[in-house]
Amino acid sequence: MSKWNRLGIPKSPNSAISAFFTSGSSAITESTHNNGLNFIARAHEAVQQGCEWRHNGHVVTIFSASNYCNSHNEAAFMIFHNLVPFFHNFVSS
């Protein structure tokens, strides 16, 4: 059973990439609520500013490689202080 199924998140095949699945915002919102989560942090997808919130603030994508494949993107990392997430964006030299 995949970790998404354990969280009770319904998924649909992604027609663009056959190995991946997508879920809608309502499914993510319901699943984070039902599992007592504030949000889901995910990685391995380049985003221009290093981090990007999706699904009404219930999913954050964090990408830690700046200028990935010469795309001129920023990188980011997340730290917690008193259970509050903080993000730091940077460009490596």
N, C-alpha and C. Protein backbone atom coordinates (compact mmCIF):
# COMPACT_ATOMS: atom_id res chain seq x y z
N MET A 1 0.85 -1.17 0.00
CA MET A 1 0.00 0.00 0.00
C MET A 1 0.90 1.23 0.00
N SER A 2 0.62 2.19 -0.87
CA SER A 2 1.44 3.40 -0.94
C SER A 2 1.16 4.30 0.25
N LYS A 3 2.11 5.21 0.54
CA LYS A 3 1.91 6.12 1.67
C LYS A 3 0.70 7.01 1.44
N TRP A 4 0.37 7.34 0.17
CA TRP A 4 -0.81 8.17 -0.11
C TRP A 4 -2.07 7.41 0.24
N ASN A 5 -2.11 6.11 -0.05
CA ASN A 5 -3.29 5.31 0.30
C ASN A 5 -3.43 5.20 1.81
N ARG A 6 -2.32 5.09 2.54
CA ARG A 6 -2.40 5.03 4.01
C ARG A 6 -2.98 6.32 4.58
N LEU A 7 -2.75 7.44 3.91
CA LEU A 7 -3.33 8.71 4.36
C LEU A 7 -4.77 8.88 3.90
N GLY A 8 -5.26 7.98 3.05
CA GLY A 8 -6.63 8.06 2.57
C GLY A 8 -6.83 9.10 1.50
N ILE A 9 -5.78 9.40 0.72
CA ILE A 9 -5.89 10.40 -0.34
C ILE A 9 -6.22 9.70 -1.64
N PRO A 10 -7.41 9.97 -2.21
CA PRO A 10 -7.73 9.37 -3.50
C PRO A 10 -6.80 9.91 -4.58
N LYS A 11 -6.48 9.08 -5.56
CA LYS A 11 -5.57 9.51 -6.60
C LYS A 11 -6.10 9.12 -7.97
N SER A 12 -5.65 9.86 -8.97
CA SER A 12 -6.01 9.60 -10.36
C SER A 12 -4.72 9.54 -11.17
N PRO A 13 -4.67 8.70 -12.21
CA PRO A 13 -3.46 8.64 -13.03
C PRO A 13 -3.18 10.00 -13.67
N ASN A 14 -1.90 10.36 -13.74
CA ASN A 14 -1.47 11.58 -14.41
C ASN A 14 -1.18 11.21 -15.85
N SER A 15 -1.95 11.75 -16.78
CA SER A 15 -1.81 11.36 -18.18
C SER A 15 -0.47 11.80 -18.78
N ALA A 16 0.15 12.83 -18.21
CA ALA A 16 1.42 13.32 -18.76
C ALA A 16 2.58 12.39 -18.40
N ILE A 17 2.55 11.82 -17.21
CA ILE A 17 3.64 10.95 -16.75
C ILE A 17 3.00 9.70 -16.15
N SER A 18 3.13 8.58 -16.81
CA SER A 18 2.38 7.39 -16.41
C SER A 18 2.76 6.85 -15.03
N ALA A 19 3.92 7.20 -14.50
CA ALA A 19 4.35 6.66 -13.20
C ALA A 19 3.83 7.47 -12.03
N PHE A 20 3.17 8.59 -12.28
CA PHE A 20 2.73 9.47 -11.21
C PHE A 20 1.22 9.58 -11.16
N PHE A 21 0.73 10.01 -10.00
CA PHE A 21 -0.70 10.19 -9.79
C PHE A 21 -0.95 11.59 -9.27
N THR A 22 -2.16 12.08 -9.48
CA THR A 22 -2.53 13.40 -8.98
C THR A 22 -3.75 13.28 -8.08
N SER A 23 -3.91 14.25 -7.18
CA SER A 23 -5.08 14.32 -6.31
C SER A 23 -5.57 15.75 -6.30
N GLY A 24 -6.86 15.93 -6.15
CA GLY A 24 -7.44 17.26 -6.14
C GLY A 24 -7.33 17.94 -4.79
N SER A 25 -7.54 19.27 -4.79
CA SER A 25 -7.42 20.06 -3.56
C SER A 25 -8.38 19.59 -2.48
N SER A 26 -9.60 19.23 -2.86
CA SER A 26 -10.57 18.81 -1.84
C SER A 26 -10.12 17.51 -1.17
N ALA A 27 -9.54 16.59 -1.93
CA ALA A 27 -9.05 15.33 -1.35
C ALA A 27 -7.88 15.59 -0.42
N ILE A 28 -6.99 16.49 -0.80
CA ILE A 28 -5.84 16.82 0.05
C ILE A 28 -6.32 17.49 1.34
N THR A 29 -7.22 18.46 1.22
CA THR A 29 -7.74 19.16 2.40
C THR A 29 -8.41 18.19 3.36
N GLU A 30 -9.24 17.31 2.84
CA GLU A 30 -9.94 16.33 3.67
C GLU A 30 -8.94 15.38 4.34
N SER A 31 -7.96 14.92 3.59
CA SER A 31 -7.00 13.95 4.13
C SER A 31 -6.10 14.56 5.19
N THR A 32 -5.64 15.79 4.99
CA THR A 32 -4.81 16.42 6.02
C THR A 32 -5.63 16.63 7.29
N HIS A 33 -6.88 17.04 7.14
CA HIS A 33 -7.76 17.22 8.30
C HIS A 33 -7.99 15.89 9.02
N ASN A 34 -8.34 14.85 8.27
CA ASN A 34 -8.63 13.54 8.87
C ASN A 34 -7.42 12.92 9.56
N ASN A 35 -6.22 13.27 9.11
CA ASN A 35 -5.00 12.70 9.68
C ASN A 35 -4.30 13.63 10.66
N GLY A 36 -4.94 14.74 11.00
CA GLY A 36 -4.38 15.67 11.98
C GLY A 36 -3.12 16.38 11.51
N LEU A 37 -3.01 16.60 10.21
CA LEU A 37 -1.83 17.26 9.64
C LEU A 37 -2.14 18.72 9.31
N ASN A 38 -1.17 19.59 9.50
CA ASN A 38 -1.33 20.97 9.06
C ASN A 38 -1.10 21.10 7.57
N PHE A 39 -0.12 20.35 7.06
CA PHE A 39 0.19 20.36 5.64
C PHE A 39 1.09 19.17 5.32
N ILE A 40 1.30 18.95 4.03
CA ILE A 40 2.21 17.91 3.53
C ILE A 40 3.37 18.62 2.86
N ALA A 41 4.59 18.25 3.22
CA ALA A 41 5.79 18.78 2.57
C ALA A 41 6.29 17.73 1.59
N ARG A 42 6.58 18.17 0.38
CA ARG A 42 7.07 17.26 -0.65
C ARG A 42 8.26 17.87 -1.37
N ALA A 43 8.99 17.06 -2.11
CA ALA A 43 10.19 17.53 -2.80
C ALA A 43 10.27 16.88 -4.18
N HIS A 44 11.41 17.02 -4.81
CA HIS A 44 11.72 16.39 -6.10
C HIS A 44 10.91 16.96 -7.26
N GLU A 45 10.51 18.23 -7.14
CA GLU A 45 9.91 18.93 -8.27
C GLU A 45 10.47 20.35 -8.25
N ALA A 46 11.13 20.74 -9.33
CA ALA A 46 11.72 22.07 -9.39
C ALA A 46 10.61 23.12 -9.42
N VAL A 47 10.73 24.10 -8.53
CA VAL A 47 9.82 25.25 -8.52
C VAL A 47 10.68 26.51 -8.57
N GLN A 48 10.22 27.53 -9.25
CA GLN A 48 11.03 28.70 -9.56
C GLN A 48 11.58 29.41 -8.33
N GLN A 49 10.80 29.55 -7.28
CA GLN A 49 11.24 30.30 -6.11
C GLN A 49 11.74 29.40 -4.98
N GLY A 50 11.99 28.13 -5.26
CA GLY A 50 12.52 27.21 -4.26
C GLY A 50 11.46 26.51 -3.43
N CYS A 51 10.35 27.20 -3.18
CA CYS A 51 9.22 26.57 -2.49
C CYS A 51 7.93 27.15 -3.05
N GLU A 52 6.89 26.35 -2.99
CA GLU A 52 5.61 26.78 -3.56
C GLU A 52 4.47 26.06 -2.84
N TRP A 53 3.53 26.85 -2.32
CA TRP A 53 2.34 26.29 -1.67
C TRP A 53 1.29 25.97 -2.72
N ARG A 54 0.61 24.85 -2.53
CA ARG A 54 -0.47 24.42 -3.44
C ARG A 54 -1.63 23.88 -2.61
N HIS A 55 -2.70 23.58 -3.28
CA HIS A 55 -3.87 22.96 -2.66
C HIS A 55 -4.32 23.72 -1.41
N ASN A 56 -4.55 25.02 -1.61
CA ASN A 56 -5.09 25.88 -0.54
C ASN A 56 -4.22 25.86 0.71
N GLY A 57 -2.90 25.80 0.54
CA GLY A 57 -1.99 25.83 1.67
C GLY A 57 -1.82 24.52 2.40
N HIS A 58 -2.25 23.42 1.80
CA HIS A 58 -2.13 22.12 2.45
C HIS A 58 -0.95 21.29 1.92
N VAL A 59 -0.30 21.75 0.86
CA VAL A 59 0.87 21.05 0.31
C VAL A 59 1.93 22.10 -0.04
N VAL A 60 3.16 21.87 0.42
CA VAL A 60 4.26 22.74 0.02
C VAL A 60 5.31 21.89 -0.69
N THR A 61 5.77 22.39 -1.83
CA THR A 61 6.85 21.76 -2.57
C THR A 61 8.12 22.54 -2.25
N ILE A 62 9.17 21.82 -1.86
CA ILE A 62 10.45 22.43 -1.53
C ILE A 62 11.50 21.82 -2.44
N PHE A 63 12.29 22.68 -3.08
CA PHE A 63 13.33 22.21 -4.00
C PHE A 63 14.64 22.85 -3.59
N SER A 64 15.65 22.05 -3.29
CA SER A 64 16.88 22.56 -2.68
C SER A 64 18.05 22.69 -3.65
N ALA A 65 17.81 22.65 -4.95
CA ALA A 65 18.88 22.82 -5.92
C ALA A 65 18.62 24.08 -6.74
N SER A 66 19.48 25.09 -6.55
CA SER A 66 19.30 26.32 -7.33
C SER A 66 19.91 26.15 -8.72
N ASN A 67 19.40 26.92 -9.65
CA ASN A 67 19.84 26.89 -11.05
C ASN A 67 19.84 25.47 -11.61
N TYR A 68 18.81 24.72 -11.29
CA TYR A 68 18.68 23.33 -11.71
C TYR A 68 18.59 23.25 -13.23
N CYS A 69 19.49 22.55 -13.84
CA CYS A 69 19.55 22.40 -15.31
C CYS A 69 19.51 23.76 -16.00
N ASN A 70 20.24 24.72 -15.43
CA ASN A 70 20.31 26.09 -15.97
C ASN A 70 18.96 26.78 -16.06
N SER A 71 18.07 26.48 -15.13
CA SER A 71 16.73 27.08 -15.17
C SER A 71 16.64 28.39 -14.38
N HIS A 72 17.73 28.80 -13.73
CA HIS A 72 17.79 30.06 -12.98
C HIS A 72 16.78 30.10 -11.84
N ASN A 73 16.45 28.95 -11.28
CA ASN A 73 15.53 28.90 -10.14
C ASN A 73 16.29 29.12 -8.84
N GLU A 74 15.55 29.54 -7.81
CA GLU A 74 16.09 29.63 -6.46
C GLU A 74 15.96 28.25 -5.81
N ALA A 75 16.69 28.06 -4.74
CA ALA A 75 16.55 26.86 -3.91
C ALA A 75 15.93 27.30 -2.59
N ALA A 76 15.47 26.34 -1.80
CA ALA A 76 14.88 26.68 -0.50
C ALA A 76 15.07 25.53 0.47
N PHE A 77 14.99 25.87 1.75
CA PHE A 77 14.88 24.85 2.78
C PHE A 77 13.89 25.34 3.82
N MET A 78 13.35 24.39 4.58
CA MET A 78 12.34 24.70 5.59
C MET A 78 12.90 24.33 6.96
N ILE A 79 12.70 25.21 7.92
CA ILE A 79 13.04 24.92 9.31
C ILE A 79 11.81 25.21 10.16
N PHE A 80 11.74 24.59 11.31
CA PHE A 80 10.63 24.81 12.23
C PHE A 80 11.14 25.50 13.48
N HIS A 81 10.39 26.47 13.96
CA HIS A 81 10.65 27.10 15.25
C HIS A 81 9.34 27.09 16.00
N ASN A 82 9.30 26.38 17.12
CA ASN A 82 8.05 26.23 17.89
C ASN A 82 6.91 25.72 17.02
N LEU A 83 7.22 24.73 16.19
CA LEU A 83 6.27 24.06 15.29
C LEU A 83 5.73 24.96 14.19
N VAL A 84 6.35 26.11 13.95
CA VAL A 84 5.95 27.00 12.86
C VAL A 84 7.01 26.88 11.76
N PRO A 85 6.59 26.59 10.51
CA PRO A 85 7.57 26.45 9.44
C PRO A 85 8.06 27.81 8.94
N PHE A 86 9.36 27.89 8.71
CA PHE A 86 9.98 29.06 8.10
C PHE A 86 10.77 28.58 6.89
N PHE A 87 10.77 29.39 5.84
CA PHE A 87 11.44 29.02 4.60
C PHE A 87 12.57 30.01 4.32
N HIS A 88 13.67 29.49 3.84
CA HIS A 88 14.80 30.32 3.44
C HIS A 88 15.11 30.00 1.99
N ASN A 89 15.04 31.01 1.15
CA ASN A 89 15.36 30.86 -0.27
C ASN A 89 16.79 31.33 -0.51
N PHE A 90 17.48 30.69 -1.46
CA PHE A 90 18.85 31.09 -1.76
C PHE A 90 19.22 30.65 -3.17
N VAL A 91 20.31 31.24 -3.66
CA VAL A 91 20.90 30.84 -4.93
C VAL A 91 22.34 30.48 -4.63
N SER A 92 22.74 29.29 -5.00
CA SER A 92 24.13 28.88 -4.75
C SER A 92 25.05 29.55 -5.75
N SER A 93 26.28 29.73 -5.34
CA SER A 93 27.24 30.39 -6.24
C SER A 93 28.15 29.39 -6.90
